[in-house]
Amino acid sequence: MDIKYRSRYFDDAEAKASFKSYAKAVFGLDFSRWEERGLWDAQYQAFSAFAGGECVASMCVYPCEAMVKGKRQKWAQLLTVGTLPEYRGQGLQRKLWKMARTWISKHCMFTFLFTDEAAAGFYDSLGFERVREHFDVVANPHASPATGAHFEKVDVENDSDFTILKRLARERAPVSDVLSFKCPNLLLFMFLYRYREMTYYSRDLDAVVVAEKAAGRLRIHDIVAKKMPRLDKIKAFLGGFPEREIVFLFPTDKLGVEPIRQGNVEDSLLFVSGGLPLEGDIVFPFSIRA
């Protein structure tokens, strides 16, 4: 069957619907919540292969504003990369990467993606480099919740709560000057899906903390605020959890923490193209991993 390659086609209702069907079939991903909130913007760009009008493979690019050692840059993340089972092994993704790379070279400085071991060999073959990530582990201060800012769990289905998330996503200060991202609609995607039950808001600080209990530790995925709080401002919130250790899944240079050790990221594999413009131990903020 003849394969047609397309990009920037989301204004075509039938093609967009076919892409949504592809995403659901390959990843079990339903874009409805994100789309209904008006967050599916033109930055999310698909490079796709179609067979008989059906989207059978895609590689999507989402440009993000990155803060890298205090300087703003535009980086590209690859997302929703996959192929329907019956079309695998035909070189479709190599063609799509060629298309995506041409676009990225004109608009962005750097490309990155997250994947698992099953797909790692493909990115190795394309010339991507693996980067090992390391996060900071600190002792839980276990301060009394009565001594600090009060946090309440966010209900993303509540319009008032979601309005707060939208405002902070757009007005946020960098979570780190070493490496952070400002990509509002992608962050809101995370709130609508991955972070639905993990998001807490403090009116006192006008800040959101994304916190997850896992494997006996408290994992902090992100802190979203107009003014980034230091650890002493949120230690009462952290101390309300019984876990003895806290993992920060973003660089901690603005928090003022004292790590007791570092850990290795094992949730996903980071691949980069173009050479990582950072040295030493680093973790890409987890809230960018849509």
Protein backbone atom coordinates (compact mmCIF):
# COMPACT_ATOMS: atom_id res chain seq x y z
CA MET A 1 0.00 0.00 0.00
CA ASP A 2 1.22 3.48 -0.86
CA ILE A 3 2.49 5.42 2.18
CA LYS A 4 2.01 9.18 2.30
CA TYR A 5 3.97 11.36 4.72
CA ARG A 6 2.34 14.42 6.21
CA SER A 7 3.11 17.17 8.71
CA ARG A 8 1.25 20.14 10.20
CA TYR A 9 -2.08 18.58 9.29
CA PHE A 10 -4.12 19.02 12.48
CA ASP A 11 -6.39 21.53 10.72
CA ASP A 12 -7.63 18.54 8.68
CA ALA A 13 -10.36 17.08 10.91
CA GLU A 14 -10.26 13.59 9.40
CA ALA A 15 -6.47 13.33 9.58
CA LYS A 16 -6.47 14.63 13.16
CA ALA A 17 -9.12 12.08 14.14
CA SER A 18 -7.00 9.33 12.59
CA PHE A 19 -3.97 10.52 14.57
CA LYS A 20 -6.04 10.38 17.78
CA SER A 21 -7.07 6.81 16.92
CA TYR A 22 -3.42 5.92 16.32
CA ALA A 23 -2.39 7.40 19.70
CA LYS A 24 -5.11 5.46 21.48
CA ALA A 25 -4.22 2.22 19.71
CA VAL A 26 -0.45 2.45 20.29
CA PHE A 27 -0.26 4.23 23.67
CA GLY A 28 -3.77 3.96 25.13
CA LEU A 29 -3.73 7.76 25.12
CA ASP A 30 -6.98 9.71 24.83
CA PHE A 31 -6.32 13.38 24.03
CA SER A 32 -9.91 14.42 24.82
CA ARG A 33 -9.25 16.16 28.17
CA TRP A 34 -6.36 18.17 26.76
CA GLU A 35 -8.23 19.09 23.57
CA GLU A 36 -11.49 19.99 25.30
CA ARG A 37 -9.59 22.44 27.54
CA GLY A 38 -8.30 24.21 24.41
CA LEU A 39 -4.70 23.20 25.16
CA TRP A 40 -3.87 21.29 21.96
CA ASP A 41 -1.87 24.11 20.38
CA ALA A 42 0.07 24.55 17.16
CA GLN A 43 3.37 23.84 18.91
CA TYR A 44 2.48 20.15 19.06
CA GLN A 45 3.50 19.07 15.57
CA ALA A 46 3.09 15.63 14.07
CA PHE A 47 5.19 14.07 11.34
CA SER A 48 3.13 11.07 10.30
CA ALA A 49 2.80 8.24 7.82
CA PHE A 50 -0.65 7.53 6.37
CA ALA A 51 -1.83 4.44 4.54
CA GLY A 52 -5.20 4.69 2.83
CA GLY A 53 -6.09 7.72 4.93
CA GLU A 54 -5.16 5.99 8.21
CA CYS A 55 -2.39 7.32 10.42
CA VAL A 56 -0.10 4.31 10.91
CA ALA A 57 3.04 5.91 12.37
CA SER A 58 3.97 9.22 13.94
CA MET A 59 6.81 11.17 15.47
CA CYS A 60 5.68 14.35 17.19
CA VAL A 61 7.78 17.40 18.08
CA TYR A 62 6.99 19.79 20.92
CA PRO A 63 9.31 22.82 21.13
CA CYS A 64 9.94 23.98 24.70
CA GLU A 65 11.54 27.03 26.26
CA ALA A 66 14.48 25.73 28.28
CA MET A 67 16.44 27.58 30.95
CA VAL A 68 20.00 26.28 30.64
CA LYS A 69 22.57 27.63 33.10
CA GLY A 70 20.61 30.87 33.32
CA LYS A 71 20.11 31.29 29.57
CA ARG A 72 16.90 30.73 27.61
CA GLN A 73 17.02 28.36 24.66
CA LYS A 74 14.49 26.54 22.49
CA TRP A 75 14.73 22.77 22.69
CA ALA A 76 12.63 20.12 20.94
CA GLN A 77 11.15 17.07 22.64
CA LEU A 78 10.06 14.04 20.61
CA LEU A 79 6.73 12.62 21.75
CA THR A 80 4.14 10.01 20.71
CA VAL A 81 6.69 8.12 18.62
CA GLY A 82 5.27 4.82 17.43
CA THR A 83 3.99 2.61 14.63
CA LEU A 84 0.95 0.36 14.35
CA PRO A 85 2.11 -3.28 14.70
CA GLU A 86 1.31 -4.32 11.15
CA TYR A 87 3.47 -1.49 9.72
CA ARG A 88 6.59 -1.97 11.82
CA GLY A 89 9.90 -2.94 10.29
CA GLN A 90 9.31 -0.93 7.10
CA GLY A 91 11.55 2.06 7.87
CA LEU A 92 8.69 4.48 8.45
CA GLN A 93 10.20 5.99 11.59
CA ARG A 94 13.52 6.64 9.89
CA LYS A 95 11.73 8.66 7.25
CA LEU A 96 9.75 10.53 9.90
CA TRP A 97 12.92 11.31 11.88
CA LYS A 98 14.48 12.76 8.71
CA MET A 99 11.45 15.04 8.30
CA ALA A 100 11.37 16.02 11.97
CA ARG A 101 15.12 16.63 12.13
CA THR A 102 14.96 18.98 9.15
CA TRP A 103 12.30 21.06 10.89
CA ILE A 104 14.08 20.99 14.26
CA SER A 105 17.38 22.13 12.72
CA LYS A 106 15.68 25.35 11.61
CA HIS A 107 13.83 26.13 14.84
CA CYS A 108 15.51 24.52 17.86
CA MET A 109 18.98 24.09 19.31
CA PHE A 110 18.70 20.61 20.76
CA THR A 111 16.55 17.46 20.70
CA PHE A 112 15.67 15.09 23.53
CA LEU A 113 13.24 12.29 24.28
CA PHE A 114 12.40 9.72 26.94
CA THR A 115 11.83 6.07 26.19
CA ASP A 116 12.26 2.57 27.62
CA GLU A 117 14.77 -0.21 27.04
CA ALA A 118 12.51 -1.91 24.48
CA ALA A 119 12.80 1.05 22.10
CA ALA A 120 16.32 2.14 23.04
CA GLY A 121 18.04 0.26 20.23
CA PHE A 122 16.14 2.23 17.60
CA TYR A 123 17.39 5.55 18.95
CA ASP A 124 20.89 4.14 19.27
CA SER A 125 20.72 3.30 15.55
CA LEU A 126 19.67 6.87 14.70
CA GLY A 127 22.73 8.27 16.45
CA PHE A 128 21.06 9.52 19.62
CA GLU A 129 23.15 9.47 22.79
CA ARG A 130 22.04 8.00 26.11
CA VAL A 131 22.38 10.24 29.14
CA ARG A 132 22.33 8.88 32.68
CA GLU A 133 20.27 11.06 35.03
CA HIS A 134 20.86 11.58 38.75
CA PHE A 135 18.53 13.11 41.33
CA ASP A 136 19.09 14.48 44.84
CA VAL A 137 17.84 12.61 47.90
CA VAL A 138 17.31 14.56 51.15
CA ALA A 139 16.10 13.68 54.61
CA ASN A 140 12.49 14.61 55.31
CA PRO A 141 12.60 17.57 57.74
CA HIS A 142 9.39 16.32 59.41
CA ALA A 143 8.38 19.80 60.52
CA SER A 144 4.94 20.16 62.04
CA PRO A 145 2.30 21.01 59.39
CA ALA A 146 0.96 23.65 61.79
CA THR A 147 4.18 25.68 61.52
CA GLY A 148 4.18 26.48 57.79
CA ALA A 149 2.19 27.20 54.65
CA HIS A 150 -1.02 25.23 54.23
CA PHE A 151 -1.47 23.08 51.12
CA GLU A 152 -4.68 21.57 49.75
CA LYS A 153 -5.09 18.89 47.12
CA VAL A 154 -6.05 20.25 43.69
CA ASP A 155 -9.12 18.97 41.84
CA VAL A 156 -8.29 19.33 38.14
CA GLU A 157 -11.96 18.91 37.24
CA ASN A 158 -12.84 21.98 39.31
CA ASP A 159 -12.78 25.08 37.10
CA SER A 160 -11.47 27.34 39.87
CA ASP A 161 -8.63 24.95 40.67
CA PHE A 162 -7.75 24.50 37.03
CA THR A 163 -7.68 28.27 36.51
CA ILE A 164 -4.98 28.45 39.19
CA LEU A 165 -2.98 25.75 37.42
CA LYS A 166 -3.29 27.56 34.08
CA ARG A 167 -2.13 30.85 35.58
CA LEU A 168 0.85 29.35 37.36
CA ALA A 169 1.85 27.27 34.33
CA ARG A 170 2.09 30.48 32.31
CA GLU A 171 3.61 32.71 35.00
CA ARG A 172 5.94 30.22 36.68
CA ALA A 173 9.47 31.05 37.71
CA PRO A 174 12.14 28.57 36.62
CA VAL A 175 12.28 25.65 39.04
CA SER A 176 16.05 25.66 38.41
CA ASP A 177 18.58 27.94 36.76
CA VAL A 178 20.68 24.90 35.81
CA LEU A 179 17.93 23.24 33.76
CA SER A 180 14.21 23.91 33.70
CA PHE A 181 11.42 24.22 31.16
CA LYS A 182 8.52 26.58 30.53
CA CYS A 183 6.01 24.80 28.34
CA PRO A 184 2.58 25.71 29.78
CA ASN A 185 0.25 23.53 27.74
CA LEU A 186 2.48 20.49 28.09
CA LEU A 187 2.62 21.00 31.86
CA LEU A 188 -1.17 21.30 31.92
CA PHE A 189 -1.32 18.01 30.01
CA MET A 190 0.60 16.47 32.89
CA PHE A 191 -1.83 17.94 35.43
CA LEU A 192 -4.77 16.52 33.49
CA TYR A 193 -3.32 13.03 33.17
CA ARG A 194 -0.25 11.88 35.10
CA TYR A 195 -0.56 14.37 37.99
CA ARG A 196 -4.31 14.28 38.60
CA GLU A 197 -3.94 12.85 42.12
CA MET A 198 -0.53 14.29 42.97
CA THR A 199 -1.04 18.07 42.91
CA TYR A 200 -1.22 20.33 45.98
CA TYR A 201 -1.69 24.11 46.15
CA SER A 202 -0.76 26.68 48.80
CA ARG A 203 -2.55 30.02 48.72
CA ASP A 204 0.00 31.36 51.20
CA LEU A 205 2.86 30.75 48.75
CA ASP A 206 0.79 30.80 45.55
CA ALA A 207 2.64 27.62 44.66
CA VAL A 208 1.85 24.12 43.46
CA VAL A 209 3.82 21.07 44.56
CA VAL A 210 3.53 17.77 42.69
CA ALA A 211 4.21 15.01 45.23
CA GLU A 212 4.07 11.23 44.88
CA LYS A 213 4.61 8.48 47.44
CA ALA A 214 6.51 5.58 45.88
CA ALA A 215 8.79 2.80 47.12
CA GLY A 216 8.83 4.20 50.64
CA ARG A 217 9.97 7.67 49.58
CA LEU A 218 8.30 10.98 48.77
CA ARG A 219 9.03 12.02 45.18
CA ILE A 220 8.65 15.71 44.30
CA HIS A 221 8.14 16.03 40.56
CA ASP A 222 7.84 19.80 40.31
CA ILE A 223 7.22 23.05 42.18
CA VAL A 224 5.26 25.57 40.11
CA ALA A 225 5.22 29.10 41.49
CA LYS A 226 5.63 32.75 40.46
CA LYS A 227 8.44 32.92 43.01
CA MET A 228 10.32 29.70 43.61
CA PRO A 229 10.18 28.87 47.36
CA ARG A 230 13.18 27.53 49.22
CA LEU A 231 12.98 24.32 51.19
CA ASP A 232 12.20 26.01 54.50
CA LYS A 233 8.99 27.41 53.01
CA ILE A 234 7.60 23.98 52.11
CA LYS A 235 9.18 21.75 54.75
CA ALA A 236 5.98 21.74 56.82
CA PHE A 237 4.11 20.34 53.81
CA LEU A 238 6.81 17.75 53.21
CA GLY A 239 6.88 16.87 56.89
CA GLY A 240 3.21 15.97 56.74
CA PHE A 241 4.19 12.81 54.87
CA PRO A 242 5.59 9.88 56.88
CA GLU A 243 8.32 8.97 54.39
CA ARG A 244 11.83 9.47 55.79
CA GLU A 245 13.45 10.46 52.49
CA ILE A 246 12.52 12.93 49.79
CA VAL A 247 13.56 12.62 46.15
CA PHE A 248 13.60 15.82 44.09
CA LEU A 249 13.02 15.01 40.42
CA PHE A 250 14.47 18.29 39.16
CA PRO A 251 17.73 20.17 39.85
CA THR A 252 17.66 21.58 43.39
CA ASP A 253 19.92 24.64 42.99
CA LYS A 254 17.11 27.08 43.92
CA LEU A 255 15.77 25.10 46.89
CA GLY A 256 18.71 25.35 49.24
CA VAL A 257 18.67 21.64 50.09
CA GLU A 258 21.44 19.52 51.58
CA PRO A 259 21.40 16.19 49.72
CA ILE A 260 22.39 13.10 51.66
CA ARG A 261 23.15 11.26 48.41
CA GLN A 262 22.17 10.95 44.75
CA GLY A 263 20.03 8.35 43.04
CA ASN A 264 19.77 7.12 39.45
CA VAL A 265 16.67 7.70 37.35
CA GLU A 266 15.23 4.33 36.41
CA ASP A 267 11.70 5.32 35.33
CA SER A 268 12.81 6.09 31.79
CA LEU A 269 15.82 6.46 29.51
CA LEU A 270 16.94 9.90 28.31
CA PHE A 271 18.26 10.20 24.75
CA VAL A 272 19.67 13.38 23.23
CA SER A 273 20.71 14.48 19.76
CA GLY A 274 23.23 17.23 19.18
CA GLY A 275 25.28 16.93 22.35
CA LEU A 276 23.97 17.79 25.81
CA PRO A 277 24.99 21.40 26.63
CA LEU A 278 25.44 20.53 30.31
CA GLU A 279 28.16 18.82 32.28
CA GLY A 280 28.12 16.79 35.46
CA ASP A 281 25.22 15.06 37.18
CA ILE A 282 21.83 16.26 35.98
CA VAL A 283 18.16 15.33 35.97
CA PHE A 284 15.66 16.60 33.42
CA PRO A 285 12.59 17.79 35.40
CA PHE A 286 10.05 14.98 35.46
CA SER A 287 7.15 17.29 34.64
CA ILE A 288 8.43 17.59 31.05
CA ARG A 289 7.98 13.83 30.48
CA ALA A 290 4.55 13.94 28.85
